[in-house]
Amino acid sequence: MRRIRFSRTPAFDFEALRGLWTAAYDGGEVGEVAAVMARVRRGDFESWYREWSAMADRVAARGRAYGEPVSRGTAMLRAANYWRQAEFFLDATDPRRAAAATAGSDLFDAGLEALGTDVTRARIPYDGADLEALFMAPADPDARTVLVVQGGFDSTLEELYFMIGAAAVRRGHCVLMFTGPGQGSALREHGMPFTAEWEHPTRAVLDWLGGFVEARLLVGVGISFGGHLLARAAAFEPRYDGVVLYDYFPGMLTAFLHNVPRPVRGAFQRMPWWMRRAVPLYGKFDAQARWGIGNALWTFGAATLPGLIDAMRPFDDRDWAGDITADGLVLLAEREHFYDPALGHDFAARLTGARSVRVHTFAEADGGHLHCQNGALQQAHEVIFDWVHGLATGAVPRRA
């Protein structure tokens, strides 16, 4: 199936579409995204930052000038998401990265305030640091289905609002969005990398939530690599009634190896001297590889490529998948490019302790075939929230 492409650089094309992914909840505009991408140079991270940040500034300036609050709020939200886009390919040591994150967060808060959206921003104490969180509730005070949402390898707290938080509240659910180690303030302010034992930050988050709202149905939602992290937490944390892997994600090393040619995968895991030289050279010609390795070094707290391989090894679902007891919804994309989608079916088959398991694959014919249904947000929401409704009403069939 052919579709409109924003760039001949695959990583830029995917991330540009991601900027539109959130349009249903005021995170993007087709014309603005197209105007940016018309000026981004192929494979050039600097031009990516320059054009997205310039668009963020222009949209924010228009928003501040509006007297009508809805116009002001929606413009601010788009500008916030464009700042997230702008910082995406920056090196972790680039000071513009922190400045972009702050600008985006401030605009996000201003946008929700202008729209009159009730949201609680919190810092949850964890291991001498803190985890960022956003809590939102619908107008119905009796709503007690609570979604606990987390991102993965590269998402921000504010992006979780566009991706599923706003949709949850619209459907009458409470939602808590948080960032853990390797993400948000834990990474940016405290230098805390990803941990394979994701049940530890999860317990801190659920303990905090328990003092805030009493859930009748507690559903975890893990987006992208967050799907792997959530599954790990659910294997050791029994408080989840259901988990949504949006999409399922294998261990990070498995995902990295998927894009390495088969003949050299063994060498990639051993990382001999010639591979250590070859990988950075390859990254000069492949924007996805260059960004992925740089972001992984930062978020996994590694200083070298061999150190990165070692840091990613503990993220593996072979030993604990059968310990998950919650109901599970496993989402897959027909044209997943980060790993072999067959791994998702294999994982679902190993959920032997789950009360129920449903696997849903989004088809290319319907346009939902990209990772996490990039560009088809409403399709993903329809499947997710119909399943959550089934849990709440007892319509989801359970295993005997």
Protein backbone atom coordinates (compact mmCIF):
# COMPACT_ATOMS: atom_id res chain seq x y z
CA MET A 1 0.00 0.00 0.00
CA ARG A 2 1.35 3.40 -0.96
CA ARG A 3 0.91 6.39 1.32
CA ILE A 4 2.08 9.98 1.55
CA ARG A 5 5.67 10.15 2.76
CA PHE A 6 7.11 13.16 4.50
CA SER A 7 10.79 12.31 4.02
CA ARG A 8 13.10 9.95 2.16
CA THR A 9 14.81 9.36 5.52
CA PRO A 10 12.75 6.51 7.05
CA ALA A 11 13.31 7.67 10.63
CA PHE A 12 12.19 11.20 9.75
CA ASP A 13 9.15 9.91 7.89
CA PHE A 14 8.03 7.79 10.85
CA GLU A 15 8.56 10.59 13.38
CA ALA A 16 6.82 13.16 11.20
CA LEU A 17 3.78 10.90 11.06
CA ARG A 18 4.10 10.58 14.84
CA GLY A 19 3.74 14.36 15.00
CA LEU A 20 0.37 13.95 13.30
CA TRP A 21 -0.57 10.84 15.28
CA THR A 22 -1.84 13.06 18.08
CA ALA A 23 -3.93 15.41 15.91
CA ALA A 24 -7.20 13.96 17.22
CA TYR A 25 -6.37 15.41 20.64
CA ASP A 26 -4.86 18.75 19.52
CA GLY A 27 -1.25 17.56 19.25
CA GLY A 28 -0.68 18.35 15.57
CA GLU A 29 -1.97 19.84 12.35
CA VAL A 30 -1.48 18.38 8.85
CA GLY A 31 -0.46 21.65 7.21
CA GLU A 32 2.00 22.57 9.94
CA VAL A 33 3.68 19.16 9.87
CA ALA A 34 3.87 19.21 6.08
CA ALA A 35 5.35 22.73 6.12
CA VAL A 36 8.05 21.63 8.55
CA MET A 37 8.97 18.52 6.62
CA ALA A 38 9.21 20.45 3.35
CA ARG A 39 12.23 22.21 4.88
CA VAL A 40 13.91 19.37 6.80
CA ARG A 41 17.01 18.15 4.98
CA ARG A 42 17.46 14.45 4.40
CA GLY A 43 19.21 12.74 7.33
CA ASP A 44 20.13 16.09 8.92
CA PHE A 45 19.36 16.12 12.66
CA GLU A 46 20.21 19.82 12.92
CA SER A 47 17.68 20.86 10.29
CA TRP A 48 15.10 18.66 12.02
CA TYR A 49 15.59 20.60 15.26
CA ARG A 50 15.69 23.97 13.52
CA GLU A 51 12.45 23.55 11.59
CA TRP A 52 10.41 21.90 14.35
CA SER A 53 11.52 24.41 16.98
CA ALA A 54 10.73 27.30 14.63
CA MET A 55 7.23 25.93 14.04
CA ALA A 56 6.76 25.43 17.78
CA ASP A 57 7.72 29.06 18.39
CA ARG A 58 5.37 30.38 15.69
CA VAL A 59 2.39 28.32 16.86
CA ALA A 60 3.02 29.29 20.50
CA ALA A 61 3.24 32.97 19.57
CA ARG A 62 -0.10 32.77 17.77
CA GLY A 63 -1.60 30.96 20.74
CA ARG A 64 -0.49 33.60 23.22
CA ALA A 65 -2.09 36.29 21.08
CA TYR A 66 -5.51 34.65 21.04
CA GLY A 67 -8.07 36.00 23.45
CA GLU A 68 -10.46 33.08 22.95
CA PRO A 69 -9.38 30.34 25.40
CA VAL A 70 -10.03 27.26 23.23
CA SER A 71 -8.01 28.67 20.35
CA ARG A 72 -5.26 29.62 22.77
CA GLY A 73 -5.29 26.20 24.42
CA THR A 74 -5.22 24.10 21.27
CA ALA A 75 -2.39 26.16 19.80
CA MET A 76 -0.38 25.80 22.99
CA LEU A 77 -0.85 22.02 22.97
CA ARG A 78 0.34 21.74 19.37
CA ALA A 79 3.35 23.91 20.13
CA ALA A 80 4.15 21.71 23.12
CA ASN A 81 4.13 18.59 20.97
CA TYR A 82 6.26 20.29 18.30
CA TRP A 83 8.90 20.98 20.94
CA ARG A 84 8.91 17.26 21.72
CA GLN A 85 9.40 16.64 18.03
CA ALA A 86 12.21 19.21 17.91
CA GLU A 87 14.29 17.64 20.68
CA PHE A 88 13.83 14.08 19.48
CA PHE A 89 17.07 13.65 17.51
CA LEU A 90 19.28 15.90 19.66
CA ASP A 91 22.23 14.36 21.45
CA ALA A 92 21.62 13.75 25.16
CA THR A 93 24.44 16.19 26.02
CA ASP A 94 23.04 19.01 23.88
CA PRO A 95 21.81 21.79 26.23
CA ARG A 96 18.99 22.53 23.81
CA ARG A 97 17.43 19.20 24.76
CA ALA A 98 16.63 20.25 28.33
CA ALA A 99 15.48 23.69 27.17
CA ALA A 100 13.14 22.12 24.59
CA ALA A 101 11.68 19.75 27.18
CA THR A 102 11.01 22.63 29.57
CA ALA A 103 9.45 24.75 26.84
CA GLY A 104 7.19 21.89 25.82
CA SER A 105 6.12 21.12 29.38
CA ASP A 106 5.31 24.78 30.11
CA LEU A 107 3.26 25.12 26.92
CA PHE A 108 1.44 21.88 27.68
CA ASP A 109 0.40 23.12 31.11
CA ALA A 110 -0.64 26.48 29.68
CA GLY A 111 -2.69 24.75 27.00
CA LEU A 112 -4.61 22.57 29.43
CA GLU A 113 -5.20 25.56 31.71
CA ALA A 114 -6.64 27.58 28.84
CA LEU A 115 -8.93 24.69 27.95
CA GLY A 116 -10.07 24.34 31.56
CA THR A 117 -8.80 20.77 31.76
CA ASP A 118 -8.42 19.49 35.30
CA VAL A 119 -5.07 17.75 35.71
CA THR A 120 -2.84 17.06 38.71
CA ARG A 121 0.91 17.16 38.07
CA ALA A 122 2.88 15.23 40.70
CA ARG A 123 6.34 14.00 41.62
CA ILE A 124 6.22 10.53 43.16
CA PRO A 125 9.16 9.77 45.50
CA TYR A 126 11.25 6.81 44.32
CA ASP A 127 14.68 5.56 45.36
CA GLY A 128 16.02 8.96 46.40
CA ALA A 129 14.68 10.61 43.25
CA ASP A 130 11.19 11.14 41.85
CA LEU A 131 8.96 9.99 39.03
CA GLU A 132 6.85 12.47 37.09
CA ALA A 133 3.12 11.83 36.90
CA LEU A 134 -0.08 13.36 35.54
CA PHE A 135 -3.47 12.38 36.96
CA MET A 136 -6.77 13.18 35.25
CA ALA A 137 -10.35 12.30 36.16
CA PRO A 138 -13.62 12.63 34.24
CA ALA A 139 -16.49 14.79 35.38
CA ASP A 140 -18.29 11.72 36.78
CA PRO A 141 -17.06 11.41 40.38
CA ASP A 142 -18.09 7.73 40.49
CA ALA A 143 -15.73 6.70 37.71
CA ARG A 144 -13.39 4.11 39.18
CA THR A 145 -11.85 2.42 36.18
CA VAL A 146 -8.27 3.67 36.37
CA LEU A 147 -5.72 3.38 33.59
CA VAL A 148 -2.04 3.54 34.55
CA VAL A 149 -0.10 4.56 31.45
CA GLN A 150 3.61 4.49 30.74
CA GLY A 151 5.72 5.11 27.67
CA GLY A 152 8.89 3.42 26.53
CA PHE A 153 12.21 4.08 24.87
CA ASP A 154 11.63 7.69 23.86
CA SER A 155 8.19 9.00 24.87
CA THR A 156 7.59 11.94 27.20
CA LEU A 157 5.03 12.37 29.94
CA GLU A 158 3.09 14.98 27.98
CA GLU A 159 2.96 12.79 24.87
CA LEU A 160 1.11 10.15 26.90
CA TYR A 161 -1.75 12.63 27.25
CA PHE A 162 -2.13 12.88 23.48
CA MET A 163 -1.60 9.17 22.89
CA ILE A 164 -4.20 7.84 25.31
CA GLY A 165 -4.73 10.00 28.40
CA ALA A 166 -7.22 12.41 26.84
CA ALA A 167 -9.06 9.53 25.17
CA ALA A 168 -9.40 7.72 28.50
CA VAL A 169 -10.97 10.71 30.24
CA ARG A 170 -13.26 11.28 27.27
CA ARG A 171 -14.58 7.75 27.83
CA GLY A 172 -15.16 8.30 31.53
CA HIS A 173 -12.00 6.73 32.97
CA CYS A 174 -9.48 8.06 35.44
CA VAL A 175 -5.93 7.97 34.13
CA LEU A 176 -2.51 8.19 35.74
CA MET A 177 0.40 8.74 33.34
CA PHE A 178 3.94 8.37 34.64
CA THR A 179 7.57 8.19 33.61
CA GLY A 180 9.99 5.83 35.33
CA PRO A 181 13.76 5.24 35.36
CA GLY A 182 15.24 5.85 31.92
CA GLN A 183 12.52 8.45 31.29
CA GLY A 184 11.43 11.89 32.42
CA SER A 185 12.86 13.50 35.54
CA ALA A 186 14.41 10.25 36.77
CA LEU A 187 16.67 10.25 33.70
CA ARG A 188 17.03 13.94 32.90
CA GLU A 189 17.47 15.27 36.44
CA HIS A 190 18.72 12.28 38.42
CA GLY A 191 20.61 10.28 35.77
CA MET A 192 18.61 7.15 36.60
CA PRO A 193 18.67 4.65 33.67
CA PHE A 194 16.15 1.98 32.75
CA THR A 195 15.78 -0.90 35.17
CA ALA A 196 14.71 -4.38 34.11
CA GLU A 197 12.97 -4.78 37.49
CA TRP A 198 10.14 -2.45 36.51
CA GLU A 199 7.96 -3.73 39.32
CA HIS A 200 9.89 -1.49 41.74
CA PRO A 201 8.92 1.89 40.24
CA THR A 202 5.47 0.47 39.50
CA ARG A 203 4.90 -0.29 43.19
CA ALA A 204 5.84 3.27 44.12
CA VAL A 205 3.38 4.60 41.54
CA LEU A 206 0.52 2.30 42.55
CA ASP A 207 1.09 3.02 46.24
CA TRP A 208 0.81 6.75 45.50
CA LEU A 209 -2.28 6.18 43.37
CA GLY A 210 -3.93 4.19 46.16
CA GLY A 211 -3.86 7.26 48.36
CA PHE A 212 -5.45 9.33 45.61
CA VAL A 213 -8.29 7.21 44.21
CA GLU A 214 -9.86 3.83 44.95
CA ALA A 215 -9.89 1.82 41.74
CA ARG A 216 -12.58 -0.73 41.02
CA LEU A 217 -10.72 -1.84 37.90
CA LEU A 218 -7.00 -1.15 37.46
CA VAL A 219 -5.65 -1.47 33.93
CA GLY A 220 -2.04 -0.90 32.94
CA VAL A 221 -1.19 0.44 29.48
CA GLY A 222 2.38 0.14 28.24
CA ILE A 223 3.23 1.92 25.00
CA SER A 224 6.03 0.60 22.74
CA PHE A 225 8.95 -0.51 24.96
CA GLY A 226 6.61 0.38 27.80
CA GLY A 227 4.69 -2.75 26.80
CA HIS A 228 7.69 -4.87 27.79
CA LEU A 229 8.18 -2.90 31.00
CA LEU A 230 4.50 -3.17 31.96
CA ALA A 231 4.45 -6.91 31.29
CA ARG A 232 7.48 -7.35 33.55
CA ALA A 233 5.80 -5.33 36.30
CA ALA A 234 2.55 -7.29 36.00
CA ALA A 235 4.45 -10.56 36.48
CA PHE A 236 5.45 -9.39 39.98
CA GLU A 237 2.70 -6.87 40.83
CA PRO A 238 -0.75 -8.49 41.33
CA ARG A 239 -2.73 -5.26 41.62
CA TYR A 240 -3.29 -4.96 37.87
CA ASP A 241 -6.63 -6.41 36.74
CA GLY A 242 -5.67 -6.05 33.09
CA VAL A 243 -2.70 -5.04 30.97
CA VAL A 244 -2.64 -3.54 27.49
CA LEU A 245 0.60 -4.02 25.56
CA TYR A 246 0.34 -1.19 23.03
CA ASP A 247 2.19 -2.63 21.23
CA TYR A 248 3.89 -5.73 22.61
CA PHE A 249 7.66 -5.18 22.67
CA PRO A 250 10.37 -7.83 23.16
CA GLY A 251 13.55 -7.30 25.11
CA MET A 252 15.46 -4.29 23.78
CA LEU A 253 18.45 -6.37 22.68
CA THR A 254 16.10 -8.55 20.62
CA ALA A 255 14.69 -5.43 18.98
CA PHE A 256 18.17 -4.09 18.20
CA LEU A 257 19.24 -7.41 16.69
CA HIS A 258 16.19 -7.42 14.40
CA ASN A 259 17.74 -4.57 12.39
CA VAL A 260 21.22 -6.10 12.33
CA PRO A 261 22.04 -8.36 9.32
CA ARG A 262 21.80 -12.02 10.37
CA PRO A 263 25.42 -12.92 9.52
CA VAL A 264 26.78 -10.39 12.05
CA ARG A 265 24.21 -10.67 14.86
CA GLY A 266 26.50 -12.87 16.92
CA ALA A 267 29.33 -10.38 16.54
CA PHE A 268 26.98 -7.53 17.48
CA GLN A 269 26.25 -9.23 20.80
CA ARG A 270 29.97 -9.91 21.45
CA MET A 271 30.99 -6.47 20.16
CA PRO A 272 34.61 -7.19 19.06
CA TRP A 273 36.90 -4.29 18.13
CA TRP A 274 35.93 -4.26 14.45
CA MET A 275 32.21 -4.16 15.28
CA ARG A 276 32.80 -1.26 17.69
CA ARG A 277 34.31 0.63 14.76
CA ALA A 278 31.75 -0.49 12.18
CA VAL A 279 28.62 0.50 14.11
CA PRO A 280 29.37 4.26 14.36
CA LEU A 281 30.41 4.26 10.71
CA TYR A 282 27.12 2.64 9.73
CA GLY A 283 25.27 5.20 11.81
CA LYS A 284 26.61 8.00 9.61
CA PHE A 285 24.52 6.59 6.76
CA ASP A 286 21.49 5.35 8.74
CA ALA A 287 19.68 7.98 10.81
CA GLN A 288 17.59 5.40 12.67
CA ALA A 289 20.67 3.48 13.81
CA ARG A 290 22.55 6.65 14.75
CA TRP A 291 19.66 7.94 16.85
CA GLY A 292 18.75 4.54 18.33
CA ILE A 293 22.24 3.81 19.60
CA GLY A 294 22.69 7.32 20.97
CA ASN A 295 19.36 7.24 22.77
CA ALA A 296 20.04 3.75 24.12
CA LEU A 297 23.43 4.77 25.54
CA TRP A 298 21.70 7.62 27.37
CA THR A 299 18.59 5.84 28.62
CA PHE A 300 20.35 2.60 29.62
CA GLY A 301 23.21 4.46 31.28
CA ALA A 302 26.00 2.94 29.18
CA ALA A 303 29.24 4.62 28.18
CA THR A 304 30.33 2.18 25.47
CA LEU A 305 28.74 -0.17 22.95
CA PRO A 306 29.83 -3.31 24.87
CA GLY A 307 28.44 -1.73 28.01
CA LEU A 308 25.16 -1.07 26.22
CA ILE A 309 24.84 -4.70 25.14
CA ASP A 310 25.40 -5.81 28.73
CA ALA A 311 22.87 -3.26 30.04
CA MET A 312 20.17 -4.52 27.66
CA ARG A 313 20.60 -8.25 28.37
CA PRO A 314 18.44 -8.35 31.56
CA PHE A 315 15.41 -7.08 29.61
CA ASP A 316 14.10 -10.49 28.56
CA ASP A 317 10.61 -11.95 28.91
CA ARG A 318 11.43 -15.68 28.79
CA ASP A 319 11.53 -16.30 32.54
CA TRP A 320 8.48 -14.45 33.83
CA ALA A 321 5.76 -14.29 31.13
CA GLY A 322 3.90 -17.23 32.68
CA ASP A 323 3.67 -15.40 36.02
CA ILE A 324 1.33 -12.70 34.69
CA THR A 325 -2.17 -13.33 36.09
CA ALA A 326 -4.00 -10.27 34.77
CA ASP A 327 -6.18 -10.27 31.68
CA GLY A 328 -4.03 -9.32 28.71
CA LEU A 329 -4.56 -7.45 25.45
CA VAL A 330 -1.59 -7.86 23.11
CA LEU A 331 -1.57 -5.43 20.17
CA LEU A 332 0.58 -6.03 17.10
CA ALA A 333 1.24 -4.21 13.84
CA GLU A 334 1.27 -6.08 10.54
CA ARG A 335 4.31 -4.15 9.28
CA GLU A 336 6.15 -3.78 12.60
CA HIS A 337 9.70 -2.65 11.83
CA PHE A 338 11.34 -2.84 15.26
CA TYR A 339 11.01 -6.64 15.64
CA ASP A 340 9.40 -9.71 14.09
CA PRO A 341 5.64 -9.55 14.90
CA ALA A 342 5.69 -13.33 15.31
CA LEU A 343 7.42 -12.69 18.65
CA GLY A 344 4.17 -11.15 19.89
CA HIS A 345 2.23 -14.31 19.17
CA ASP A 346 4.95 -16.36 20.85
CA PHE A 347 4.75 -14.13 23.93
CA ALA A 348 0.96 -14.42 24.07
CA ALA A 349 1.25 -18.21 23.96
CA ARG A 350 3.52 -18.06 27.00
CA LEU A 351 0.97 -16.10 29.09
CA THR A 352 -0.15 -19.36 30.64
CA GLY A 353 -1.13 -17.82 33.98
CA ALA A 354 -3.23 -14.97 32.58
CA ARG A 355 -6.99 -14.99 33.18
CA SER A 356 -7.50 -14.25 29.49
CA VAL A 357 -5.40 -13.23 26.51
CA ARG A 358 -6.51 -11.46 23.36
CA VAL A 359 -4.14 -10.76 20.45
CA HIS A 360 -5.16 -8.12 17.91
CA THR A 361 -3.12 -7.40 14.78
CA PHE A 362 -3.75 -4.12 12.94
CA ALA A 363 -3.80 -4.56 9.18
CA GLU A 364 -2.06 -2.65 6.44
CA ALA A 365 -5.30 -2.54 4.48
CA ASP A 366 -6.79 -0.38 7.26
CA GLY A 367 -3.72 1.84 7.70
CA GLY A 368 -2.95 0.67 11.24
CA HIS A 369 0.04 -1.45 10.30
CA LEU A 370 2.85 0.72 11.71
CA HIS A 371 4.44 0.40 15.15
CA CYS A 372 1.90 1.38 17.83
CA GLN A 373 -0.52 2.19 15.00
CA ASN A 374 1.38 5.36 14.16
CA GLY A 375 -1.03 7.46 12.14
CA ALA A 376 -4.07 5.42 13.19
CA LEU A 377 -4.63 6.50 16.78
CA GLN A 378 -8.40 6.17 16.72
CA GLN A 379 -8.19 2.55 15.55
CA ALA A 380 -5.96 1.70 18.48
CA HIS A 381 -8.24 3.51 20.93
CA GLU A 382 -11.34 1.74 19.65
CA VAL A 383 -9.80 -1.69 20.22
CA ILE A 384 -8.25 -0.80 23.58
CA PHE A 385 -11.27 0.85 25.13
CA ASP A 386 -13.72 -1.71 23.81
CA TRP A 387 -11.59 -4.34 25.55
CA VAL A 388 -11.47 -2.27 28.76
CA HIS A 389 -15.26 -1.92 28.58
CA GLY A 390 -15.47 -5.70 28.29
CA LEU A 391 -13.37 -6.10 31.42
CA ALA A 392 -15.53 -3.64 33.35
CA THR A 393 -18.78 -5.33 32.30
CA GLY A 394 -17.58 -8.91 32.53
CA ALA A 395 -17.87 -9.45 28.77
CA VAL A 396 -14.22 -10.44 28.28
CA PRO A 397 -14.12 -14.25 28.25
CA ARG A 398 -11.90 -15.79 30.91
CA ARG A 399 -9.85 -18.94 30.69
CA ALA A 400 -11.27 -21.92 32.54
